[in-house]
Protein backbone atom coordinates (compact mmCIF):
# COMPACT_ATOMS: atom_id res chain seq x y z
CA MET A 1 -1.31 8.63 11.00
CA GLY A 2 -0.49 11.14 8.34
CA VAL A 3 0.90 9.69 5.14
CA SER A 4 -1.29 8.88 2.18
CA ARG A 5 -2.02 10.25 -1.25
CA GLY A 6 -5.26 8.83 -2.57
CA THR A 7 -6.93 6.41 -4.93
CA ILE A 8 -9.56 5.97 -7.57
CA LEU A 9 -12.99 4.76 -6.48
CA GLN A 10 -13.34 1.17 -7.71
CA PRO A 11 -16.17 0.50 -10.20
CA HIS A 12 -17.48 -2.53 -8.20
CA ILE A 13 -18.39 -1.54 -4.66
CA THR A 14 -19.07 -4.11 -1.94
CA MET A 15 -22.03 -3.87 0.41
CA ALA A 16 -19.66 -2.94 3.24
CA ALA A 17 -18.58 0.10 1.29
CA CYS A 18 -22.05 1.34 0.48
CA SER A 19 -22.39 3.15 3.80
CA LYS A 20 -19.42 5.28 2.85
CA ILE A 21 -20.83 6.60 -0.43
CA SER A 22 -22.01 9.92 0.97
CA GLU A 23 -18.60 10.53 2.49
CA VAL A 24 -16.90 9.59 -0.78
CA GLU A 25 -19.04 12.07 -2.67
CA ALA A 26 -18.16 14.74 -0.13
CA GLU A 27 -14.49 14.11 -0.68
CA ILE A 28 -14.92 14.44 -4.47
CA ASP A 29 -16.42 17.91 -3.88
CA ASP A 30 -13.90 18.81 -1.19
CA PRO A 31 -10.53 17.20 -1.93
CA GLY A 32 -8.71 17.95 1.32
CA ALA A 33 -11.28 16.69 3.76
CA ALA A 34 -9.52 13.38 4.42
CA PRO A 35 -7.76 14.03 7.74
CA PHE A 36 -4.71 11.85 6.96
CA GLY A 37 -4.57 12.38 3.20
CA ASN A 38 -6.08 8.92 2.64
CA PHE A 39 -8.42 9.96 -0.15
CA ILE A 40 -10.34 7.28 -1.97
CA ASN A 41 -10.88 9.37 -5.14
CA TYR A 42 -7.57 11.21 -5.36
CA TYR A 43 -6.47 10.05 -8.79
CA THR A 44 -9.73 11.11 -10.41
CA PHE A 45 -8.52 14.72 -10.12
CA ASN A 46 -4.76 14.23 -9.97
CA PRO A 47 -3.80 11.29 -12.21
CA PRO A 48 -0.22 9.99 -12.19
CA GLU A 49 0.49 11.60 -15.58
CA ASN A 50 0.37 15.04 -13.99
CA ARG A 51 3.62 14.27 -12.21
CA LEU A 52 5.18 11.82 -14.58
CA SER A 53 5.00 14.35 -17.43
CA LEU A 54 7.58 16.40 -15.49
CA ILE A 55 9.85 13.56 -14.46
CA PRO A 56 12.32 12.28 -17.09
CA ALA A 57 12.02 8.57 -17.79
CA SER A 58 15.80 8.43 -17.53
CA LEU A 59 15.74 9.52 -13.87
CA LEU A 60 17.51 6.46 -12.52
CA LYS A 61 20.37 6.99 -14.96
CA ASP A 62 20.45 10.69 -14.11
CA VAL A 63 20.80 9.97 -10.41
CA GLY A 64 23.70 7.62 -11.02
CA HIS A 65 22.10 4.21 -11.05
CA GLY A 66 25.00 1.94 -11.91
CA GLU A 67 24.55 -0.93 -9.52
CA HIS A 68 23.12 -4.38 -10.22
CA LYS A 69 19.72 -3.30 -9.00
CA ALA A 70 17.77 -0.18 -7.97
CA LEU A 71 15.61 0.14 -4.89
CA ILE A 72 12.88 2.78 -4.82
CA LEU A 73 10.68 3.76 -1.88
CA ASP A 74 7.27 5.35 -2.35
CA VAL A 75 6.01 7.12 0.78
CA GLY A 76 2.25 7.26 1.22
CA CYS A 77 1.64 5.11 -1.84
CA ASN A 78 -2.11 4.80 -1.19
CA SER A 79 -3.61 2.22 -3.55
CA GLY A 80 -0.50 2.09 -5.68
CA GLU A 81 -1.51 3.68 -9.00
CA LEU A 82 1.34 6.18 -9.00
CA THR A 83 3.83 3.57 -7.80
CA VAL A 84 2.97 1.28 -10.70
CA ALA A 85 2.91 4.13 -13.20
CA PHE A 86 6.32 5.36 -12.05
CA TYR A 87 7.75 1.85 -12.34
CA GLU A 88 6.46 1.60 -15.94
CA HIS A 89 7.70 5.10 -16.68
CA ILE A 90 11.32 4.39 -15.79
CA GLN A 91 11.32 0.80 -16.99
CA LYS A 92 10.88 1.91 -20.62
CA THR A 93 14.22 3.71 -20.63
CA LEU A 94 16.03 0.92 -18.80
CA THR A 95 14.78 -1.61 -21.32
CA GLU A 96 15.83 0.54 -24.25
CA GLU A 97 19.32 1.29 -22.91
CA ASP A 98 20.09 -2.03 -21.18
CA PRO A 99 18.77 -5.20 -22.85
CA SER A 100 19.63 -7.16 -19.69
CA GLN A 101 17.06 -5.03 -17.82
CA ARG A 102 18.77 -4.39 -14.50
CA PRO A 103 16.03 -5.07 -11.97
CA VAL A 104 14.16 -2.25 -10.30
CA HIS A 105 12.41 -3.00 -7.04
CA MET A 106 9.86 -0.64 -5.51
CA LEU A 107 8.43 -0.64 -2.02
CA GLY A 108 5.27 1.36 -1.43
CA PHE A 109 3.78 1.86 2.00
CA ASP A 110 0.75 3.55 3.46
CA LEU A 111 -0.94 3.95 6.84
CA ASP A 112 -4.31 2.94 5.43
CA GLU A 113 -4.54 -0.85 5.48
CA THR A 114 -7.56 -0.97 3.17
CA LEU A 115 -5.73 0.99 0.49
CA ILE A 116 -2.73 -1.32 0.77
CA GLN A 117 -5.04 -4.32 0.31
CA ARG A 118 -6.29 -2.76 -2.90
CA ALA A 119 -2.74 -2.03 -4.03
CA ASN A 120 -1.74 -5.67 -3.58
CA GLN A 121 -4.88 -6.92 -5.29
CA THR A 122 -4.26 -4.87 -8.43
CA ASN A 123 -0.42 -5.01 -8.47
CA PRO A 124 0.62 -6.06 -12.02
CA PHE A 125 4.29 -6.47 -11.03
CA PRO A 126 4.38 -8.48 -7.78
CA ASN A 127 7.94 -9.64 -8.42
CA ASN A 128 9.21 -6.06 -8.56
CA ILE A 129 6.72 -4.01 -6.58
CA SER A 130 5.74 -4.65 -2.95
CA PHE A 131 3.14 -2.84 -0.87
CA ILE A 132 3.04 -2.88 2.94
CA HIS A 133 0.93 -1.33 5.67
CA LEU A 134 3.16 1.04 7.65
CA ASP A 135 3.05 4.23 9.65
CA ILE A 136 6.49 5.71 9.23
CA MET A 137 5.97 8.04 12.18
CA SER A 138 5.95 5.09 14.59
CA ASP A 139 7.87 2.31 12.91
CA THR A 140 10.66 2.16 10.32
CA GLU A 141 11.88 -1.36 11.07
CA ALA A 142 10.09 -2.81 8.03
CA LEU A 143 12.05 -0.42 5.78
CA GLN A 144 15.35 -1.63 7.23
CA ASP A 145 14.23 -5.25 6.83
CA TYR A 146 13.50 -4.59 3.14
CA LEU A 147 16.93 -3.04 2.61
CA LYS A 148 18.63 -5.99 4.30
CA GLN A 149 16.65 -8.39 2.16
CA HIS A 150 18.10 -6.74 -0.94
CA GLY A 151 21.60 -6.34 0.47
CA CYS A 152 21.54 -2.51 0.41
CA SER A 153 22.08 0.10 3.10
CA ARG A 154 19.84 2.75 1.49
CA PHE A 155 17.15 3.18 -1.12
CA HIS A 156 18.57 4.58 -4.33
CA LEU A 157 15.57 6.88 -4.69
CA CYS A 158 12.73 7.88 -2.36
CA LEU A 159 9.48 9.42 -3.62
CA CYS A 160 7.75 11.68 -1.13
CA LEU A 161 4.94 13.26 -3.17
CA ALA A 162 2.16 15.28 -1.54
CA VAL A 163 2.74 13.71 1.88
CA THR A 164 4.55 16.31 4.01
CA MET A 165 1.45 18.40 4.76
CA TRP A 166 -0.47 15.48 6.27
CA VAL A 167 2.42 14.53 8.54
CA HIS A 168 2.86 18.20 9.47
CA LEU A 169 -0.84 18.69 10.31
CA ASN A 170 -1.14 15.52 12.33
CA HIS A 171 2.28 15.47 14.05
CA GLY A 172 3.32 19.14 14.18
CA ASP A 173 6.64 20.74 13.34
CA SER A 174 8.63 18.01 15.04
CA GLY A 175 6.83 15.37 13.01
CA LEU A 176 7.60 17.08 9.73
CA LEU A 177 11.29 17.40 10.60
CA GLN A 178 11.39 13.78 11.78
CA LEU A 179 9.94 12.61 8.46
CA LEU A 180 12.55 14.56 6.47
CA SER A 181 15.33 13.23 8.69
CA ASP A 182 14.17 9.63 8.45
CA LEU A 183 13.77 9.70 4.67
CA SER A 184 17.15 11.38 4.11
CA SER A 185 18.89 8.83 6.37
CA CYS A 186 17.59 5.86 4.37
CA SER A 187 17.84 7.29 0.84
CA GLU A 188 20.56 8.36 -1.55
CA HIS A 189 18.16 10.57 -3.50
CA LEU A 190 14.88 12.12 -2.47
CA LEU A 191 12.22 13.39 -4.90
CA LEU A 192 10.07 15.73 -2.83
CA GLU A 193 6.75 17.40 -3.55
CA ALA A 194 5.72 19.54 -0.58
CA GLN A 195 2.24 21.03 -0.51
CA PRO A 196 2.28 24.84 -0.32
CA TRP A 197 0.83 26.64 2.69
CA LYS A 198 -2.40 27.48 0.91
CA CYS A 199 -3.18 23.75 0.86
CA TYR A 200 -2.93 23.67 4.66
CA ARG A 201 -5.58 26.35 4.99
CA SER A 202 -7.81 24.59 2.46
CA ALA A 203 -7.49 21.26 4.21
CA ALA A 204 -8.37 22.78 7.57
CA ARG A 205 -11.34 24.69 6.10
CA ARG A 206 -12.74 21.63 4.35
CA LEU A 207 -12.38 19.54 7.46
CA ARG A 208 -14.41 22.05 9.44
CA LYS A 209 -16.97 22.25 6.62
CA LEU A 210 -17.68 18.55 7.08
CA GLY A 211 -18.18 19.08 10.80
CA ARG A 212 -15.04 17.15 11.83
CA LEU A 213 -12.55 18.00 14.53
CA ASP A 214 -9.77 20.35 13.47
CA PHE A 215 -6.22 19.13 12.95
CA ASP A 216 -4.45 18.91 16.30
CA HIS A 217 -1.51 21.08 15.33
CA PHE A 218 -2.76 23.47 12.65
CA LYS A 219 -3.12 26.51 14.90
CA THR A 220 0.23 25.96 16.62
CA LEU A 221 2.52 25.28 13.67
CA GLY A 222 5.63 27.39 13.65
CA ILE A 223 6.85 26.31 10.20
CA LYS A 224 4.72 28.23 7.72
CA GLY A 225 4.98 30.06 4.38
CA ASP A 226 7.10 28.64 1.60
CA MET A 227 7.00 24.94 2.56
CA ALA A 228 9.24 23.78 -0.27
CA GLU A 229 11.92 26.26 0.83
CA HIS A 230 11.61 25.22 4.47
CA ALA A 231 12.10 21.60 3.46
CA LYS A 232 15.05 22.50 1.31
CA GLN A 233 16.75 24.46 4.08
CA TYR A 234 16.31 21.68 6.61
CA LEU A 235 17.47 18.92 4.27
CA GLU A 236 20.58 20.89 3.30
CA LYS A 237 21.50 22.18 6.75
CA HIS A 238 20.63 19.21 8.94
CA CYS A 239 20.31 16.09 6.75
CA GLY A 240 23.41 16.19 4.54
CA MET A 241 21.45 16.55 1.34
CA GLU A 242 21.67 19.09 -1.50
CA LEU A 243 19.19 20.18 -4.13
CA VAL A 244 20.42 18.94 -7.53
CA GLN A 245 17.42 19.59 -9.79
CA SER A 246 13.92 21.02 -9.97
CA PHE A 247 11.53 19.44 -12.45
CA GLY A 248 9.19 22.39 -12.42
CA SER A 249 5.77 22.64 -10.84
CA THR A 250 2.69 20.42 -11.14
CA MET A 251 -0.72 21.66 -12.18
CA TRP A 252 -1.37 22.20 -8.46
CA ASP A 253 1.60 24.62 -8.29
CA ARG A 254 3.80 22.24 -6.33
CA LYS A 255 7.51 21.98 -7.05
CA LEU A 256 9.15 18.62 -7.74
CA LEU A 257 12.56 18.83 -6.13
CA LEU A 258 15.34 16.22 -6.40
CA PHE A 259 17.84 16.05 -3.53
CA LYS A 260 21.02 14.03 -3.34
CA LYS A 261 23.01 12.76 -0.38
CA ARG A 262 26.32 14.63 -0.21
């Protein structure tokens, strides 16, 4: 439950998927209707470039990548387009600055098993990028296994982009704080994009418009208002992290904030 970003509708649709066409079209018109954020057309209106244009390609160098390898975690990777695009984005700089090309390994996970299947089917870098089906709200063992496999205690960088709202809506205030705590405990750096409160209202409205049940926790949430600031305060006061840089705001008016473990 709760963590997913979205994907592009594939040009070749199987018969099994035909029954979902009307729902797909509804989600195109109402991006925000997917109750867990698991859109199937997300990148048609928010392509990876919208974020990558704000993130320096030298990010790994900037966050102090000096080890023999770098491990990056992508939370709610969906079908993997942004994961792959981010890998290519940073790999250009590493290749230019280091002919030996210190390996970068990325792990993307999502709660939607179908989207993960698509990510694995289209993964152009299977030796460096892995995708797994995982609900971080109920199980983090696979993340620890991945770290042990690579001989590391933490991920060097964690991407949590447009995920917090879905966890918050489906798991309440405690779920949001648990997510931030879990990510900060397994990462040296956290790149966070928290949806603003107006997105919560839009998601709830669009869900009702489609005649679906409302989010379980929307009407009882105590954490409201400036969501990026709430996340910052919690990470700094309770998770031993500090804000080191803001990369500005996306076209959706969402801040990209980089935190570092103290």
